Protein backbone atom coordinates (compact mmCIF):
# COMPACT_ATOMS: atom_id res chain seq x y z
CA MET A 1 31.49 -146.93 -30.44
CA GLY A 2 32.93 -148.26 -27.15
CA PHE A 3 35.07 -147.16 -24.33
CA THR A 4 38.92 -147.02 -23.81
CA LEU A 5 40.61 -147.45 -20.49
CA VAL A 6 43.74 -145.59 -20.17
CA GLU A 7 45.59 -147.21 -17.12
CA GLY A 8 49.22 -146.50 -15.84
CA ARG A 9 51.49 -148.65 -13.72
CA ASN A 10 54.52 -147.26 -11.82
CA TYR A 11 56.70 -150.27 -10.90
CA CYS A 12 59.33 -148.00 -8.86
CA LYS A 13 59.75 -149.65 -5.71
CA LEU A 14 60.99 -146.24 -4.12
CA ASP A 15 57.60 -144.53 -5.21
CA ASN A 16 54.26 -145.34 -3.26
CA ALA A 17 52.21 -144.24 -6.00
CA TYR A 18 50.78 -147.08 -8.06
CA SER A 19 50.11 -145.02 -11.13
CA ASN A 20 51.53 -141.48 -10.79
CA GLY A 21 54.10 -140.74 -13.40
CA SER A 22 53.23 -143.45 -15.91
CA GLY A 23 52.46 -141.25 -18.85
CA LYS A 24 48.43 -141.31 -18.83
CA SER A 25 48.37 -137.40 -19.02
CA SER A 26 51.03 -137.29 -21.62
CA ILE A 27 48.77 -139.01 -24.14
CA PHE A 28 46.14 -136.30 -23.83
CA ASN A 29 48.74 -133.51 -23.71
CA GLY A 30 49.90 -134.96 -27.06
CA ILE A 31 46.54 -134.93 -28.56
CA CYS A 32 45.95 -131.43 -27.16
CA PHE A 33 49.09 -130.21 -28.52
CA ALA A 34 48.91 -131.58 -32.03
CA LEU A 35 45.20 -129.96 -32.29
CA THR A 36 45.96 -126.64 -30.74
CA GLY A 37 49.65 -125.83 -30.12
CA GLU A 38 49.06 -126.17 -26.48
CA THR A 39 49.02 -128.75 -23.86
CA ALA A 40 45.88 -129.45 -21.90
CA GLN A 41 47.33 -126.93 -19.29
CA GLY A 42 47.72 -124.22 -21.82
CA ILE A 43 51.54 -124.43 -22.38
CA SER A 44 52.82 -123.75 -25.80
CA THR A 45 56.48 -122.83 -25.03
CA GLY A 46 59.32 -124.51 -23.27
CA ILE A 47 58.23 -127.99 -24.46
CA GLU A 48 61.19 -130.45 -24.87
CA ASN A 49 61.70 -133.94 -25.90
CA ILE A 50 63.64 -135.26 -23.09
CA PHE A 51 64.57 -138.49 -24.85
CA SER A 52 66.46 -136.92 -27.77
CA ASP A 53 67.29 -133.62 -29.25
CA PRO A 54 65.40 -131.08 -27.45
CA ASP A 55 65.07 -128.97 -30.70
CA ASP A 56 63.76 -132.04 -32.65
CA CYS A 57 60.29 -132.43 -30.99
CA TRP A 58 56.93 -133.02 -32.87
CA VAL A 59 53.48 -134.66 -32.01
CA GLU A 60 51.78 -136.71 -34.80
CA LEU A 61 48.19 -137.45 -34.73
CA THR A 62 46.32 -139.82 -37.06
CA PHE A 63 42.66 -139.70 -37.08
CA MET A 64 39.38 -140.69 -39.29
CA ALA A 65 36.68 -138.04 -40.04
CA ASP A 66 33.97 -138.70 -42.64
CA GLY A 67 35.94 -141.63 -43.97
CA ASN A 68 39.08 -139.67 -44.60
CA GLU A 69 42.18 -140.25 -42.83
CA PHE A 70 44.00 -137.09 -41.41
CA ILE A 71 47.61 -137.01 -40.27
CA LEU A 72 48.57 -133.94 -38.24
CA ARG A 73 52.14 -133.40 -37.19
CA ARG A 74 52.91 -130.29 -35.02
CA TYR A 75 56.43 -129.29 -34.66
CA LYS A 76 58.02 -127.47 -31.75
CA THR A 77 59.37 -124.26 -32.98
CA PRO A 78 59.40 -120.89 -31.42
CA LYS A 79 55.63 -120.92 -32.41
CA PRO A 80 54.15 -124.36 -32.88
CA ASP A 81 54.11 -125.32 -36.61
CA LEU A 82 51.29 -127.44 -37.77
CA LYS A 83 51.65 -129.82 -40.91
CA VAL A 84 48.41 -131.36 -42.45
């Protein structure tokens, strides 16, 4: 087992922050949402995909456990729906 570095860089010249707003927290929010139906901050409603149809939003998490591959896909619906 090793380590993973999550580093973000914000190249916006109008922003003095070097790494704020670069998406680091979004990775962990996506993992939490896939597993629990809530973000790391406990948010489960009002979640939107700002890059496409707001109602067409899901998170997919693929992982290995005990030599088996699992794929979780959680959809944004009135109540977050999980497909395994």
